[in-house]
N, C-alpha and C. Protein backbone atom coordinates (compact mmCIF):
# COMPACT_ATOMS: atom_id res chain seq x y z
N MET A 1 0.61 -1.32 0.30
CA MET A 1 0.15 0.37 0.34
C MET A 1 0.63 1.24 0.08
N SER A 2 0.46 2.51 -0.59
CA SER A 2 1.23 3.25 -0.49
C SER A 2 1.00 4.63 0.58
N LEU A 3 1.38 5.24 0.90
CA LEU A 3 1.69 6.10 1.82
C LEU A 3 -0.15 6.61 2.04
N PRO A 4 -0.21 7.43 1.14
CA PRO A 4 -1.87 7.93 1.11
C PRO A 4 -3.34 6.98 1.43
N GLU A 5 -2.79 5.51 1.01
CA GLU A 5 -3.56 4.50 1.60
C GLU A 5 -3.47 3.66 2.76
N ILE A 6 -2.46 3.91 2.92
CA ILE A 6 -2.17 3.14 4.60
C ILE A 6 -2.71 4.77 5.39
N LEU A 7 -2.54 5.69 5.10
CA LEU A 7 -3.35 6.72 5.98
C LEU A 7 -4.71 6.66 6.17
N LEU A 8 -5.15 6.37 4.63
CA LEU A 8 -6.62 6.26 4.29
C LEU A 8 -7.31 4.72 5.24
N TRP A 9 -6.25 4.03 4.98
CA TRP A 9 -6.95 2.71 5.70
C TRP A 9 -7.21 3.14 7.45
N GLN A 10 -6.21 3.91 8.29
CA GLN A 10 -5.95 3.88 9.55
C GLN A 10 -7.18 4.57 10.02
N ARG A 11 -7.71 5.28 9.14
CA ARG A 11 -9.18 6.22 9.51
C ARG A 11 -10.42 5.25 9.11
N LEU A 12 -10.00 4.30 7.89
CA LEU A 12 -11.57 3.61 7.48
C LEU A 12 -11.25 2.23 8.56
N LYS A 13 -10.61 1.65 8.36
CA LYS A 13 -10.12 0.42 9.45
C LYS A 13 -11.26 0.81 10.64
N GLY A 14 -12.05 -0.54 11.67
CA GLY A 14 -12.42 -0.65 12.46
C GLY A 14 -13.98 0.43 12.36
N SER A 15 -14.37 0.03 11.35
CA SER A 15 -15.78 0.09 11.23
C SER A 15 -16.31 1.88 11.72
N PRO A 16 -16.09 3.00 10.59
CA PRO A 16 -15.82 4.20 11.56
C PRO A 16 -17.90 4.41 11.00
N GLN A 17 -18.42 4.90 12.45
CA GLN A 17 -19.48 5.37 12.02
C GLN A 17 -20.74 3.92 12.00
N GLY A 18 -19.82 2.61 11.95
CA GLY A 18 -20.87 1.55 11.61
C GLY A 18 -20.37 0.87 10.43
N ILE A 19 -20.00 1.72 9.47
CA ILE A 19 -19.56 1.22 8.13
C ILE A 19 -18.61 0.53 7.97
N ALA A 20 -18.81 -1.18 7.82
CA ALA A 20 -17.32 -1.33 7.59
C ALA A 20 -16.58 -1.43 6.05
N PHE A 21 -15.30 -1.45 6.41
CA PHE A 21 -14.68 -1.44 4.95
C PHE A 21 -13.69 -2.35 4.69
N ARG A 22 -13.03 -2.72 3.50
CA ARG A 22 -11.74 -3.82 3.14
C ARG A 22 -10.71 -2.73 2.48
N LYS A 23 -9.54 -3.47 2.64
CA LYS A 23 -9.02 -2.88 2.01
C LYS A 23 -8.02 -4.33 1.31
N GLN A 24 -7.63 -3.46 -0.01
CA GLN A 24 -6.89 -4.63 -1.04
C GLN A 24 -8.23 -5.78 -1.44
N HIS A 25 -9.68 -5.30 -1.46
CA HIS A 25 -10.44 -5.92 -1.89
C HIS A 25 -10.22 -6.61 -3.33
N PRO A 26 -10.53 -8.16 -3.43
CA PRO A 26 -10.17 -8.37 -5.05
C PRO A 26 -11.95 -8.49 -5.55
N ILE A 27 -11.98 -7.90 -6.74
CA ILE A 27 -13.62 -8.11 -7.62
C ILE A 27 -12.93 -9.02 -8.87
N SER A 28 -13.82 -9.89 -9.17
CA SER A 28 -13.08 -10.80 -10.12
C SER A 28 -12.00 -10.57 -10.50
N GLY A 29 -11.25 -10.20 -11.31
CA GLY A 29 -9.88 -9.33 -11.62
C GLY A 29 -9.45 -8.38 -11.28
N TYR A 30 -9.63 -7.66 -10.78
CA TYR A 30 -9.05 -6.71 -10.01
C TYR A 30 -9.08 -6.88 -8.62
N ARG A 31 -8.65 -6.04 -8.04
CA ARG A 31 -8.02 -5.38 -6.51
C ARG A 31 -8.10 -4.03 -6.64
N VAL A 32 -9.16 -3.51 -5.72
CA VAL A 32 -9.64 -2.28 -5.80
C VAL A 32 -9.02 -1.93 -4.07
N ASP A 33 -8.43 -0.57 -4.27
CA ASP A 33 -7.86 -0.13 -2.63
C ASP A 33 -8.48 -0.29 -1.75
N PHE A 34 -9.61 0.03 -1.72
CA PHE A 34 -10.72 -0.14 -0.58
C PHE A 34 -11.90 -0.81 -1.02
N TYR A 35 -12.87 -1.15 -0.18
CA TYR A 35 -14.50 -1.37 -0.83
C TYR A 35 -15.18 -1.77 0.72
N CYS A 36 -16.46 -1.34 0.61
CA CYS A 36 -17.90 -0.85 1.19
C CYS A 36 -18.60 -1.90 1.16
N ALA A 37 -18.91 -3.08 1.13
CA ALA A 37 -19.69 -4.19 1.26
C ALA A 37 -21.82 -3.44 1.23
N ALA A 38 -21.49 -2.54 2.01
CA ALA A 38 -22.92 -2.09 2.61
C ALA A 38 -23.65 -1.21 1.44
N ALA A 39 -22.76 -0.51 0.64
CA ALA A 39 -22.74 0.21 -0.29
C ALA A 39 -22.27 -0.06 -1.84
N LYS A 40 -22.39 -1.37 -1.47
CA LYS A 40 -21.80 -1.90 -3.11
C LYS A 40 -20.23 -0.29 -3.54
N LEU A 41 -19.41 0.20 -2.59
CA LEU A 41 -18.80 1.18 -2.89
C LEU A 41 -17.46 1.25 -2.80
N VAL A 42 -16.45 1.52 -4.19
CA VAL A 42 -15.37 1.16 -4.53
C VAL A 42 -14.42 2.79 -4.33
N ILE A 43 -13.45 2.31 -3.52
CA ILE A 43 -12.53 3.63 -3.14
C ILE A 43 -11.42 3.42 -3.97
N GLU A 44 -10.84 3.93 -5.03
CA GLU A 44 -9.50 3.65 -5.09
C GLU A 44 -8.97 5.71 -5.24
N VAL A 45 -7.72 5.18 -4.92
CA VAL A 45 -6.64 6.03 -4.01
C VAL A 45 -5.64 6.47 -5.52
N ASP A 46 -5.81 7.45 -6.24
CA ASP A 46 -5.05 7.57 -7.17
C ASP A 46 -3.95 8.78 -7.14
N GLY A 47 -2.80 7.92 -7.88
CA GLY A 47 -1.59 9.01 -6.90
C GLY A 47 -0.62 9.17 -8.83
N ALA A 48 0.54 10.10 -8.58
CA ALA A 48 1.04 10.25 -10.02
C ALA A 48 0.89 9.31 -10.64
N ALA A 49 1.19 8.25 -11.00
CA ALA A 49 1.19 6.74 -11.48
C ALA A 49 0.33 6.54 -12.42
N HIS A 50 -0.98 7.05 -11.65
CA HIS A 50 -2.78 7.51 -12.74
C HIS A 50 -2.83 8.14 -13.89
N ASP A 51 -1.83 8.99 -14.15
CA ASP A 51 -1.61 9.86 -14.98
C ASP A 51 -0.89 9.49 -15.91
N MET A 52 0.07 8.85 -16.05
CA MET A 52 1.20 8.10 -16.56
C MET A 52 0.88 6.73 -17.61
N GLY A 53 1.18 7.07 -18.66
CA GLY A 53 0.81 5.63 -19.89
C GLY A 53 -0.20 5.92 -20.48
N ASP A 54 -0.54 4.24 -20.49
CA ASP A 54 -2.05 3.88 -20.69
C ASP A 54 -2.78 3.84 -19.22
N ARG A 55 -2.29 3.82 -18.22
CA ARG A 55 -3.12 3.99 -17.08
C ARG A 55 -4.23 4.82 -17.22
N PRO A 56 -4.46 6.00 -17.79
CA PRO A 56 -6.00 6.32 -17.36
C PRO A 56 -6.79 5.98 -18.06
N GLU A 57 -6.75 5.50 -19.55
CA GLU A 57 -7.74 4.66 -20.12
C GLU A 57 -7.76 3.38 -19.21
N ARG A 58 -7.09 2.81 -19.20
CA ARG A 58 -7.32 1.61 -17.90
C ARG A 58 -7.67 2.16 -16.58
N ASP A 59 -7.98 3.24 -16.78
CA ASP A 59 -8.74 3.24 -14.91
C ASP A 59 -9.99 3.85 -15.75
N VAL A 60 -10.22 4.32 -16.49
CA VAL A 60 -11.54 4.33 -17.23
C VAL A 60 -12.16 3.14 -17.59
N GLU A 61 -11.21 2.19 -18.12
CA GLU A 61 -12.26 0.75 -18.33
C GLU A 61 -12.68 0.24 -17.32
N ARG A 62 -11.53 0.36 -16.42
CA ARG A 62 -12.10 -0.39 -15.12
C ARG A 62 -13.57 0.09 -14.16
N THR A 63 -13.34 1.09 -14.46
CA THR A 63 -14.21 2.05 -13.79
C THR A 63 -16.07 1.93 -14.33
N LYS A 64 -15.76 1.60 -15.56
CA LYS A 64 -16.82 1.28 -16.74
C LYS A 64 -17.17 0.21 -16.39
N TRP A 65 -16.14 -0.67 -16.14
CA TRP A 65 -16.66 -2.41 -15.86
C TRP A 65 -17.17 -2.74 -14.40
N LEU A 66 -16.45 -1.81 -13.44
CA LEU A 66 -17.18 -1.89 -12.14
C LEU A 66 -18.73 -1.42 -12.16
N GLU A 67 -18.61 0.00 -12.84
CA GLU A 67 -20.39 0.42 -12.69
C GLU A 67 -21.17 -0.69 -13.45
N ALA A 68 -20.85 -0.97 -14.48
CA ALA A 68 -21.87 -2.05 -15.17
C ALA A 68 -22.19 -3.41 -14.16
N LYS A 69 -21.20 -3.41 -13.33
CA LYS A 69 -21.82 -4.72 -12.42
C LYS A 69 -22.31 -4.35 -10.98
N GLY A 70 -22.84 -3.05 -11.06
CA GLY A 70 -23.53 -2.64 -9.96
C GLY A 70 -22.44 -2.08 -8.65
N TYR A 71 -21.54 -1.77 -8.89
CA TYR A 71 -20.73 -1.18 -7.97
C TYR A 71 -20.56 0.52 -8.30
N GLN A 72 -20.50 1.31 -6.93
CA GLN A 72 -20.34 2.81 -7.15
C GLN A 72 -18.66 3.12 -6.75
N VAL A 73 -18.19 3.82 -7.67
CA VAL A 73 -16.67 3.97 -7.90
C VAL A 73 -16.83 5.37 -7.09
N ILE A 74 -15.64 5.57 -6.34
CA ILE A 74 -14.56 7.29 -5.92
C ILE A 74 -13.68 7.11 -6.24
N ARG A 75 -13.23 8.12 -6.98
CA ARG A 75 -11.78 7.98 -6.70
C ARG A 75 -11.45 9.21 -5.95
N ILE A 76 -10.18 9.39 -5.27
CA ILE A 76 -9.86 10.26 -4.67
C ILE A 76 -8.29 10.77 -4.43
N SER A 77 -7.81 11.91 -5.41
CA SER A 77 -6.43 11.95 -5.17
C SER A 77 -5.66 11.92 -4.01
N ALA A 78 -4.62 10.73 -4.47
CA ALA A 78 -3.38 10.84 -3.20
C ALA A 78 -3.02 12.34 -2.97
N ALA A 79 -2.88 12.94 -3.74
CA ALA A 79 -2.85 14.47 -2.79
C ALA A 79 -3.86 14.94 -1.90
N ASP A 80 -4.92 14.70 -2.05
CA ASP A 80 -6.36 15.42 -1.18
C ASP A 80 -5.90 14.36 0.31
N VAL A 81 -5.45 13.12 0.12
CA VAL A 81 -5.64 11.79 0.98
C VAL A 81 -4.19 12.79 2.09
N LEU A 82 -3.03 13.12 1.30
CA LEU A 82 -1.70 13.42 2.05
C LEU A 82 -2.15 14.99 2.71
N ARG A 83 -2.80 15.67 1.96
CA ARG A 83 -3.70 17.35 2.90
C ARG A 83 -4.11 17.04 3.65
N ASP A 84 -5.24 16.15 3.73
CA ASP A 84 -6.36 16.29 5.40
C ASP A 84 -6.81 14.42 4.65
N ALA A 85 -5.90 13.70 5.48
CA ALA A 85 -6.69 12.22 5.45
C ALA A 85 -7.95 12.53 6.01
N ASP A 86 -7.74 12.87 7.33
CA ASP A 86 -9.01 13.03 8.15
C ASP A 86 -10.48 13.40 7.60
N ALA A 87 -10.26 14.62 6.59
CA ALA A 87 -11.08 14.82 5.83
C ALA A 87 -11.60 14.35 4.85
N ALA A 88 -10.90 13.45 4.13
CA ALA A 88 -10.87 12.13 2.81
C ALA A 88 -11.62 11.09 2.98
N ALA A 89 -11.28 10.56 4.48
CA ALA A 89 -12.05 9.57 5.41
C ALA A 89 -13.21 9.69 5.45
N GLN A 90 -13.57 11.14 5.98
CA GLN A 90 -15.10 11.18 6.67
C GLN A 90 -15.67 11.73 5.43
N SER A 91 -15.52 11.94 4.26
CA SER A 91 -16.38 12.40 3.02
C SER A 91 -16.54 10.82 2.51
N ILE A 92 -15.23 9.80 2.46
CA ILE A 92 -15.74 8.46 2.12
C ILE A 92 -16.57 7.85 3.01
N VAL A 93 -16.77 7.81 4.54
CA VAL A 93 -17.28 6.99 5.33
C VAL A 93 -18.94 8.42 5.17
N SER A 94 -18.72 9.21 5.12
CA SER A 94 -20.33 9.98 4.84
C SER A 94 -21.73 9.67 3.87
N PHE A 95 -20.31 9.33 2.72
CA PHE A 95 -21.06 8.46 1.47
C PHE A 95 -21.75 7.88 1.59
N ALA A 96 -20.78 6.94 1.99
CA ALA A 96 -21.04 5.50 1.96
C ALA A 96 -22.60 5.30 3.04
N ALA A 97 -22.65 5.72 4.18
CA ALA A 97 -23.68 6.11 5.20
C ALA A 97 -25.04 6.70 4.62
N ARG A 98 -24.23 7.25 3.26
CA ARG A 98 -26.28 7.74 3.20
C ARG A 98 -27.21 6.57 2.83
N PRO A 99 -28.17 6.67 2.84
CA PRO A 99 -29.53 6.15 2.49
C PRO A 99 -29.07 6.04 1.47
N LEU A 100 -29.20 7.09 0.53
CA LEU A 100 -29.38 6.85 -1.09
C LEU A 100 -28.18 6.27 -1.91
N HIS A 101 -27.13 5.77 -0.95
CA HIS A 101 -25.97 5.14 -1.39
C HIS A 101 -25.83 3.20 -1.39
N ARG A 102 -27.12 3.13 -0.13
CA ARG A 102 -26.67 1.86 0.32
C ARG A 102 -27.11 0.80 -1.05
N ALA A 103 -26.53 0.14 -1.12
CA ALA A 103 -26.98 -1.16 -2.19
C ALA A 103 -28.35 -2.07 -1.99
N SER A 104 -28.75 -1.55 -0.85
CA SER A 104 -29.97 -2.59 -0.70
C SER A 104 -31.35 -2.65 -1.08
N GLY A 105 -31.41 -1.49 -2.16
CA GLY A 105 -32.42 -1.48 -3.10
C GLY A 105 -32.35 -0.23 -3.44
N ALA A 106 -33.40 0.17 -4.61
CA ALA A 106 -33.99 1.13 -5.10
C ALA A 106 -34.87 2.34 -4.37
N VAL A 107 -35.01 3.94 -4.10
CA VAL A 107 -35.68 4.10 -3.86
C VAL A 107 -36.95 4.40 -5.11
N PRO A 108 -38.06 4.40 -5.08
CA PRO A 108 -38.70 4.74 -6.03
C PRO A 108 -39.31 6.30 -5.99
N LEU A 109 -38.97 6.92 -7.33
CA LEU A 109 -39.09 8.29 -7.41
C LEU A 109 -40.48 8.65 -7.89
N PRO A 110 -41.11 9.75 -7.40
CA PRO A 110 -42.92 10.20 -7.93
C PRO A 110 -42.71 10.62 -9.63
N VAL A 111 -43.55 9.82 -10.05
CA VAL A 111 -43.74 9.38 -11.40
C VAL A 111 -44.84 10.59 -12.42
N ASN A 112 -43.66 11.49 -13.03
CA ASN A 112 -44.85 12.82 -13.66
C ASN A 112 -44.65 13.70 -12.31
N GLY A 113 -43.80 14.16 -11.65
CA GLY A 113 -44.26 15.18 -10.67
C GLY A 113 -45.02 14.35 -9.20
N GLU A 114 -45.67 13.81 -9.52
CA GLU A 114 -46.42 13.41 -8.72
C GLU A 114 -46.10 12.82 -6.87
N ASP A 115 -46.43 13.11 -6.13
CA ASP A 115 -46.12 12.67 -4.59
C ASP A 115 -46.27 11.49 -4.01
N LEU A 116 -45.49 10.41 -4.08
CA LEU A 116 -45.77 9.17 -3.05
C LEU A 116 -46.71 9.10 -2.26
N ALA A 117 -47.65 8.28 -1.88
CA ALA A 117 -48.28 8.32 -0.88
C ALA A 117 -48.23 6.84 0.02
């Protein structure tokens, strides 16, 4: 794990706010940096290497594949984690904890502007 990943893991391990995360989690042929099963959320920490060579294209394809399988993907820059790891972790935990981001099912939306009763 890179330094930004270590700093983030120190804050995500232990189920903050009751939200469990896994590090270096395998999904099919991929290994994601962090994963929250309750929200079906993948967190990727992008350092400078993600800007080099064909890596940007591979990251786009990987994200598309994960999203097609029903995963939500958050990409966070390593620089942001290094700048304020606490804020980065809190943002991730807050996102995962929001009911609309849970994998438990879709929330029905009003049809044609009608209210749900």
